[in-house]
């Protein structure tokens, strides 16, 4: 009775991710969206470990975020 348009399939692939090591925390992020070489969890501030996950393939147009020079953090003195 109701016709639903067929959805286009999004290609998936094995993607490198960072997962939180804290038990009970479900925080994770794609490696190519991480700003640090070894990131900490944004939800609970615990260390993260590298792993892989089958995810839709995305292109990060910002390039390598880990190579971007960081500015002075707010609260740090210039001296």
PDB file of N, CA and C in Angstrom:
ATOM      1  N   UNK A   1       0.807  -1.172   0.000  1.00  0.00           N
ATOM      2  CA  UNK A   1       0.000   0.000   0.000  1.00  0.00           C
ATOM      3  C   UNK A   1       0.867   1.258   0.000  1.00  0.00           C
ATOM      4  N   UNK A   2       1.826   1.314   0.909  1.00  0.00           N
ATOM      5  CA  UNK A   2       2.718   2.465   0.951  1.00  0.00           C
ATOM      6  C   UNK A   2       4.029   2.093   0.276  1.00  0.00           C
ATOM      7  N   UNK A   3       4.468   2.941  -0.590  1.00  0.00           N
ATOM      8  CA  UNK A   3       5.731   2.701  -1.280  1.00  0.00           C
ATOM      9  C   UNK A   3       6.816   3.552  -0.645  1.00  0.00           C
ATOM     10  N   UNK A   4       7.815   2.905  -0.166  1.00  0.00           N
ATOM     11  CA  UNK A   4       8.951   3.625   0.401  1.00  0.00           C
ATOM     12  C   UNK A   4      10.078   3.573  -0.615  1.00  0.00           C
ATOM     13  N   UNK A   5      10.646   4.724  -0.910  1.00  0.00           N
ATOM     14  CA  UNK A   5      11.746   4.773  -1.875  1.00  0.00           C
ATOM     15  C   UNK A   5      12.932   3.988  -1.327  1.00  0.00           C
ATOM     16  N   UNK A   6      13.584   3.262  -2.215  1.00  0.00           N
ATOM     17  CA  UNK A   6      14.748   2.489  -1.799  1.00  0.00           C
ATOM     18  C   UNK A   6      15.870   3.442  -1.407  1.00  0.00           C
ATOM     19  N   UNK A   7      16.443   3.174  -0.267  1.00  0.00           N
ATOM     20  CA  UNK A   7      17.541   4.001   0.217  1.00  0.00           C
ATOM     21  C   UNK A   7      18.836   3.530  -0.428  1.00  0.00           C
ATOM     22  N   UNK A   8      19.689   4.486  -0.762  1.00  0.00           N
ATOM     23  CA  UNK A   8      20.982   4.115  -1.333  1.00  0.00           C
ATOM     24  C   UNK A   8      21.854   3.535  -0.231  1.00  0.00           C
ATOM     25  N   UNK A   9      22.588   2.516  -0.583  1.00  0.00           N
ATOM     26  CA  UNK A   9      23.459   1.880   0.391  1.00  0.00           C
ATOM     27  C   UNK A   9      24.704   2.719   0.598  1.00  0.00           C
ATOM     28  N   UNK A  10      25.042   2.935   1.857  1.00  0.00           N
ATOM     29  CA  UNK A  10      26.244   3.675   2.206  1.00  0.00           C
ATOM     30  C   UNK A  10      27.374   2.659   2.336  1.00  0.00           C
ATOM     31  N   UNK A  11      28.489   2.867   1.611  1.00  0.00           N
ATOM     32  CA  UNK A  11      29.587   1.908   1.716  1.00  0.00           C
ATOM     33  C   UNK A  11      30.199   1.910   3.115  1.00  0.00           C
ATOM     34  N   UNK A  12      30.474   0.715   3.621  1.00  0.00           N
ATOM     35  CA  UNK A  12      31.078   0.568   4.941  1.00  0.00           C
ATOM     36  C   UNK A  12      32.454  -0.049   4.807  1.00  0.00           C
ATOM     37  N   UNK A  13      33.271   0.176   5.811  1.00  0.00           N
ATOM     38  CA  UNK A  13      34.604  -0.404   5.826  1.00  0.00           C
ATOM     39  C   UNK A  13      35.139  -0.455   7.246  1.00  0.00           C
ATOM     40  N   UNK A  14      36.208  -1.236   7.422  1.00  0.00           N
ATOM     41  CA  UNK A  14      36.866  -1.315   8.721  1.00  0.00           C
ATOM     42  C   UNK A  14      37.535   0.033   8.974  1.00  0.00           C
ATOM     43  N   UNK A  15      37.196   0.662  10.093  1.00  0.00           N
ATOM     44  CA  UNK A  15      37.676   1.996  10.428  1.00  0.00           C
ATOM     45  C   UNK A  15      38.419   1.950  11.752  1.00  0.00           C
ATOM     46  N   UNK A  16      39.561   2.622  11.831  1.00  0.00           N
ATOM     47  CA  UNK A  16      40.309   2.712  13.076  1.00  0.00           C
ATOM     48  C   UNK A  16      39.603   3.694  14.002  1.00  0.00           C
ATOM     49  N   UNK A  17      39.374   3.253  15.240  1.00  0.00           N
ATOM     50  CA  UNK A  17      38.678   4.090  16.218  1.00  0.00           C
ATOM     51  C   UNK A  17      39.447   4.096  17.533  1.00  0.00           C
ATOM     52  N   UNK A  18      39.049   4.982  18.421  1.00  0.00           N
ATOM     53  CA  UNK A  18      39.515   5.014  19.804  1.00  0.00           C
ATOM     54  C   UNK A  18      38.306   4.740  20.688  1.00  0.00           C
ATOM     55  N   UNK A  19      38.430   3.772  21.617  1.00  0.00           N
ATOM     56  CA  UNK A  19      37.347   3.423  22.536  1.00  0.00           C
ATOM     57  C   UNK A  19      37.780   3.710  23.962  1.00  0.00           C
ATOM     58  N   UNK A  20      36.842   4.166  24.783  1.00  0.00           N
ATOM     59  CA  UNK A  20      37.133   4.464  26.182  1.00  0.00           C
ATOM     60  C   UNK A  20      37.429   3.171  26.940  1.00  0.00           C
ATOM     61  N   UNK A  21      38.403   3.231  27.854  1.00  0.00           N
ATOM     62  CA  UNK A  21      38.780   2.056  28.643  1.00  0.00           C
ATOM     63  C   UNK A  21      37.970   1.935  29.928  1.00  0.00           C
ATOM     64  N   UNK A  22      37.217   2.972  30.288  1.00  0.00           N
ATOM     65  CA  UNK A  22      36.407   2.951  31.507  1.00  0.00           C
ATOM     66  C   UNK A  22      35.214   2.023  31.312  1.00  0.00           C
ATOM     67  N   UNK A  23      35.060   1.066  32.219  1.00  0.00           N
ATOM     68  CA  UNK A  23      33.936   0.141  32.128  1.00  0.00           C
ATOM     69  C   UNK A  23      32.625   0.907  32.297  1.00  0.00           C
ATOM     70  N   UNK A  24      31.685   0.664  31.431  1.00  0.00           N
ATOM     71  CA  UNK A  24      30.398   1.336  31.486  1.00  0.00           C
ATOM     72  C   UNK A  24      30.315   2.572  30.604  1.00  0.00           C
ATOM     73  N   UNK A  25      31.456   3.125  30.204  1.00  0.00           N
ATOM     74  CA  UNK A  25      31.450   4.296  29.323  1.00  0.00           C
ATOM     75  C   UNK A  25      31.400   3.811  27.878  1.00  0.00           C
ATOM     76  N   UNK A  26      30.573   4.419  27.069  1.00  0.00           N
ATOM     77  CA  UNK A  26      30.417   4.008  25.676  1.00  0.00           C
ATOM     78  C   UNK A  26      31.084   4.979  24.713  1.00  0.00           C
ATOM     79  N   UNK A  27      31.983   5.829  25.233  1.00  0.00           N
ATOM     80  CA  UNK A  27      32.637   6.825  24.397  1.00  0.00           C
ATOM     81  C   UNK A  27      33.585   6.201  23.379  1.00  0.00           C
ATOM     82  N   UNK A  28      33.535   6.701  22.151  1.00  0.00           N
ATOM     83  CA  UNK A  28      34.464   6.295  21.103  1.00  0.00           C
ATOM     84  C   UNK A  28      34.508   7.396  20.053  1.00  0.00           C
ATOM     85  N   UNK A  29      35.567   7.406  19.245  1.00  0.00           N
ATOM     86  CA  UNK A  29      35.687   8.367  18.147  1.00  0.00           C
ATOM     87  C   UNK A  29      36.530   7.760  17.039  1.00  0.00           C
ATOM     88  N   UNK A  30      36.315   8.234  15.841  1.00  0.00           N
ATOM     89  CA  UNK A  30      37.130   7.808  14.707  1.00  0.00           C
ATOM     90  C   UNK A  30      38.534   8.375  14.869  1.00  0.00           C
ATOM     91  N   UNK A  31      39.539   7.600  14.479  1.00  0.00           N
ATOM     92  CA  UNK A  31      40.923   8.054  14.606  1.00  0.00           C
ATOM     93  C   UNK A  31      41.173   9.309  13.777  1.00  0.00           C
ATOM     94  N   UNK A  32      40.597   9.395  12.576  1.00  0.00           N
ATOM     95  CA  UNK A  32      40.877  10.556  11.732  1.00  0.00           C
ATOM     96  C   UNK A  32      40.109  11.806  12.166  1.00  0.00           C
ATOM     97  N   UNK A  33      39.325  11.725  13.244  1.00  0.00           N
ATOM     98  CA  UNK A  33      38.673  12.901  13.822  1.00  0.00           C
ATOM     99  C   UNK A  33      39.245  13.234  15.199  1.00  0.00           C
ATOM    100  N   UNK A  34      40.298  12.524  15.626  1.00  0.00           N
ATOM    101  CA  UNK A  34      40.930  12.783  16.924  1.00  0.00           C
ATOM    102  C   UNK A  34      41.990  13.870  16.767  1.00  0.00           C
ATOM    103  N   UNK A  35      42.096  14.735  17.774  1.00  0.00           N
ATOM    104  CA  UNK A  35      43.067  15.824  17.740  1.00  0.00           C
ATOM    105  C   UNK A  35      44.413  15.428  18.339  1.00  0.00           C
ATOM    106  N   UNK A  36      44.473  14.364  19.127  1.00  0.00           N
ATOM    107  CA  UNK A  36      45.686  13.973  19.828  1.00  0.00           C
ATOM    108  C   UNK A  36      46.130  12.588  19.373  1.00  0.00           C
ATOM    109  N   UNK A  37      47.422  12.316  19.558  1.00  0.00           N
ATOM    110  CA  UNK A  37      47.957  10.995  19.199  1.00  0.00           C
ATOM    111  C   UNK A  37      47.324   9.905  20.057  1.00  0.00           C
ATOM    112  N   UNK A  38      47.144  10.171  21.348  1.00  0.00           N
ATOM    113  CA  UNK A  38      46.463   9.254  22.252  1.00  0.00           C
ATOM    114  C   UNK A  38      45.389  10.055  22.978  1.00  0.00           C
ATOM    115  N   UNK A  39      44.168  10.078  22.450  1.00  0.00           N
ATOM    116  CA  UNK A  39      43.122  10.933  23.030  1.00  0.00           C
ATOM    117  C   UNK A  39      42.584  10.405  24.356  1.00  0.00           C
ATOM    118  N   UNK A  40      41.961  11.294  25.109  1.00  0.00           N
ATOM    119  CA  UNK A  40      41.228  10.910  26.312  1.00  0.00           C
ATOM    120  C   UNK A  40      39.741  11.035  26.003  1.00  0.00           C
ATOM    121  N   UNK A  41      38.949  10.273  26.717  1.00  0.00           N
ATOM    122  CA  UNK A  41      37.506  10.250  26.487  1.00  0.00           C
ATOM    123  C   UNK A  41      36.897  11.605  26.825  1.00  0.00           C
ATOM    124  N   UNK A  42      36.102  12.143  25.930  1.00  0.00           N
ATOM    125  CA  UNK A  42      35.438  13.435  26.154  1.00  0.00           C
ATOM    126  C   UNK A  42      34.278  13.304  27.142  1.00  0.00           C
ATOM    127  N   UNK A  43      33.806  12.084  27.379  1.00  0.00           N
ATOM    128  CA  UNK A  43      32.680  11.889  28.289  1.00  0.00           C
ATOM    129  C   UNK A  43      33.120  11.723  29.738  1.00  0.00           C
ATOM    130  N   UNK A  44      34.230  10.978  29.958  1.00  0.00           N
ATOM    131  CA  UNK A  44      34.636  10.679  31.336  1.00  0.00           C
ATOM    132  C   UNK A  44      36.107  10.981  31.620  1.00  0.00           C
ATOM    133  N   UNK A  45      36.863  11.447  30.648  1.00  0.00           N
ATOM    134  CA  UNK A  45      38.278  11.835  30.785  1.00  0.00           C
ATOM    135  C   UNK A  45      39.219  10.670  31.076  1.00  0.00           C
ATOM    136  N   UNK A  46      38.815   9.441  30.793  1.00  0.00           N
ATOM    137  CA  UNK A  46      39.697   8.292  30.950  1.00  0.00           C
ATOM    138  C   UNK A  46      40.478   8.068  29.655  1.00  0.00           C
ATOM    139  N   UNK A  47      41.587   7.308  29.732  1.00  0.00           N
ATOM    140  CA  UNK A  47      42.357   7.021  28.514  1.00  0.00           C
ATOM    141  C   UNK A  47      41.539   6.187  27.530  1.00  0.00           C
ATOM    142  N   UNK A  48      41.938   6.265  26.276  1.00  0.00           N
ATOM    143  CA  UNK A  48      41.262   5.499  25.231  1.00  0.00           C
ATOM    144  C   UNK A  48      42.256   4.533  24.602  1.00  0.00           C
ATOM    145  N   UNK A  49      41.736   3.434  24.038  1.00  0.00           N
ATOM    146  CA  UNK A  49      42.584   2.462  23.361  1.00  0.00           C
ATOM    147  C   UNK A  49      42.149   2.335  21.911  1.00  0.00           C
ATOM    148  N   UNK A  50      43.125   2.047  21.055  1.00  0.00           N
ATOM    149  CA  UNK A  50      42.872   1.939  19.620  1.00  0.00           C
ATOM    150  C   UNK A  50      42.202   0.609  19.310  1.00  0.00           C
ATOM    151  N   UNK A  51      41.288   0.644  18.356  1.00  0.00           N
ATOM    152  CA  UNK A  51      40.591  -0.555  17.915  1.00  0.00           C
ATOM    153  C   UNK A  51      40.034  -0.332  16.520  1.00  0.00           C
ATOM    154  N   UNK A  52      39.193  -1.248  16.065  1.00  0.00           N
ATOM    155  CA  UNK A  52      38.565  -1.109  14.753  1.00  0.00           C
ATOM    156  C   UNK A  52      37.071  -1.386  14.877  1.00  0.00           C
ATOM    157  N   UNK A  53      36.323  -0.841  13.924  1.00  0.00           N
ATOM    158  CA  UNK A  53      34.873  -1.004  13.909  1.00  0.00           C
ATOM    159  C   UNK A  53      34.406  -0.893  12.462  1.00  0.00           C
ATOM    160  N   UNK A  54      33.371  -1.641  12.101  1.00  0.00           N
ATOM    161  CA  UNK A  54      32.776  -1.538  10.771  1.00  0.00           C
ATOM    162  C   UNK A  54      31.824  -0.348  10.780  1.00  0.00           C
ATOM    163  N   UNK A  55      32.177   0.699  10.022  1.00  0.00           N
ATOM    164  CA  UNK A  55      31.409   1.946  10.009  1.00  0.00           C
ATOM    165  C   UNK A  55      31.235   2.449   8.588  1.00  0.00           C
ATOM    166  N   UNK A  56      30.243   3.311   8.366  1.00  0.00           N
ATOM    167  CA  UNK A  56      30.135   3.960   7.053  1.00  0.00           C
ATOM    168  C   UNK A  56      31.398   4.780   6.778  1.00  0.00           C
ATOM    169  N   UNK A  57      31.872   4.740   5.546  1.00  0.00           N
ATOM    170  CA  UNK A  57      33.092   5.454   5.190  1.00  0.00           C
ATOM    171  C   UNK A  57      32.806   6.947   5.081  1.00  0.00           C
ATOM    172  N   UNK A  58      33.616   7.750   5.751  1.00  0.00           N
ATOM    173  CA  UNK A  58      33.500   9.204   5.721  1.00  0.00           C
ATOM    174  C   UNK A  58      34.829   9.810   5.316  1.00  0.00           C
ATOM    175  N   UNK A  59      34.773  10.959   4.670  1.00  0.00           N
ATOM    176  CA  UNK A  59      35.980  11.697   4.323  1.00  0.00           C
ATOM    177  C   UNK A  59      36.088  12.887   5.267  1.00  0.00           C
ATOM    178  N   UNK A  60      37.256  13.047   5.891  1.00  0.00           N
ATOM    179  CA  UNK A  60      37.497  14.193   6.758  1.00  0.00           C
ATOM    180  C   UNK A  60      38.184  15.259   5.926  1.00  0.00           C
ATOM    181  N   UNK A  61      37.452  16.298   5.570  1.00  0.00           N
ATOM    182  CA  UNK A  61      37.997  17.338   4.694  1.00  0.00           C
ATOM    183  C   UNK A  61      39.010  18.234   5.394  1.00  0.00           C
ATOM    184  N   UNK A  62      39.168  18.095   6.706  1.00  0.00           N
ATOM    185  CA  UNK A  62      40.130  18.914   7.445  1.00  0.00           C
ATOM    186  C   UNK A  62      41.537  18.342   7.421  1.00  0.00           C
ATOM    187  N   UNK A  63      41.726  17.198   6.816  1.00  0.00           N
ATOM    188  CA  UNK A  63      43.057  16.595   6.760  1.00  0.00           C
ATOM    189  C   UNK A  63      43.421  15.944   8.085  1.00  0.00           C
ATOM    190  N   UNK A  64      44.720  15.954   8.403  1.00  0.00           N
ATOM    191  CA  UNK A  64      45.223  15.325   9.619  1.00  0.00           C
ATOM    192  C   UNK A  64      45.069  16.289  10.788  1.00  0.00           C
ATOM    193  N   UNK A  65      44.090  16.057  11.644  1.00  0.00           N
ATOM    194  CA  UNK A  65      43.830  16.958  12.762  1.00  0.00           C
ATOM    195  C   UNK A  65      44.932  16.912  13.813  1.00  0.00           C
ATOM    196  N   UNK A  66      45.674  15.803  13.888  1.00  0.00           N
ATOM    197  CA  UNK A  66      46.740  15.687  14.880  1.00  0.00           C
ATOM    198  C   UNK A  66      47.938  16.558  14.524  1.00  0.00           C
ATOM    199  N   UNK A  67      48.067  16.917  13.243  1.00  0.00           N
ATOM    200  CA  UNK A  67      49.204  17.716  12.796  1.00  0.00           C
ATOM    201  C   UNK A  67      48.940  19.217  12.890  1.00  0.00           C
ATOM    202  N   UNK A  68      47.698  19.598  13.162  1.00  0.00           N
ATOM    203  CA  UNK A  68      47.367  21.022  13.257  1.00  0.00           C
ATOM    204  C   UNK A  68      48.027  21.602  14.501  1.00  0.00           C
ATOM    205  N   UNK A  69      48.710  22.729  14.313  1.00  0.00           N
ATOM    206  CA  UNK A  69      49.383  23.373  15.435  1.00  0.00           C
ATOM    207  C   UNK A  69      48.335  23.959  16.368  1.00  0.00           C
ATOM    208  N   UNK A  70      48.443  23.603  17.644  1.00  0.00           N
ATOM    209  CA  UNK A  70      47.480  24.087  18.620  1.00  0.00           C
ATOM    210  C   UNK A  70      47.899  25.460  19.117  1.00  0.00           C
ATOM    211  N   UNK A  71      46.930  26.307  19.358  1.00  0.00           N
ATOM    212  CA  UNK A  71      47.187  27.637  19.894  1.00  0.00           C
ATOM    213  C   UNK A  71      47.390  27.580  21.394  1.00  0.00           C
ATOM    214  N   UNK A  72      47.450  28.729  22.008  1.00  0.00           N
ATOM    215  CA  UNK A  72      47.612  28.818  23.453  1.00  0.00           C
ATOM    216  C   UNK A  72      46.270  28.510  24.102  1.00  0.00           C
ATOM    217  N   UNK A  73      46.290  27.602  25.064  1.00  0.00           N
ATOM    218  CA  UNK A  73      45.079  27.231  25.772  1.00  0.00           C
ATOM    219  C   UNK A  73      44.596  28.393  26.628  1.00  0.00           C
ATOM    220  N   UNK A  74      43.317  28.549  26.769  1.00  0.00           N
ATOM    221  CA  UNK A  74      42.750  29.589  27.627  1.00  0.00           C
ATOM    222  C   UNK A  74      43.162  29.295  29.062  1.00  0.00           C
ATOM    223  N   UNK A  75      43.627  30.306  29.748  1.00  0.00           N
ATOM    224  CA  UNK A  75      44.053  30.124  31.136  1.00  0.00           C
ATOM    225  C   UNK A  75      45.559  29.987  31.271  1.00  0.00           C
ATOM    226  N   UNK A  76      46.280  29.738  30.182  1.00  0.00           N
ATOM    227  CA  UNK A  76      47.736  29.666  30.230  1.00  0.00           C
ATOM    228  C   UNK A  76      48.298  31.068  30.091  1.00  0.00           C
ATOM    229  N   UNK A  77      49.381  31.313  30.795  1.00  0.00           N
ATOM    230  CA  UNK A  77      49.996  32.635  30.684  1.00  0.00           C
ATOM    231  C   UNK A  77      50.919  32.671  29.479  1.00  0.00           C
ATOM    232  N   UNK A  78      51.150  33.847  28.978  1.00  0.00           N
ATOM    233  CA  UNK A  78      52.022  34.025  27.824  1.00  0.00           C
ATOM    234  C   UNK A  78      53.488  34.117  28.227  1.00  0.00           C
ATOM    235  N   UNK A  79      53.779  34.188  29.510  1.00  0.00           N
ATOM    236  CA  UNK A  79      55.161  34.351  29.981  1.00  0.00           C
ATOM    237  C   UNK A  79      55.824  33.018  30.126  1.00  0.00           C
TER     238      UNK A  79
END
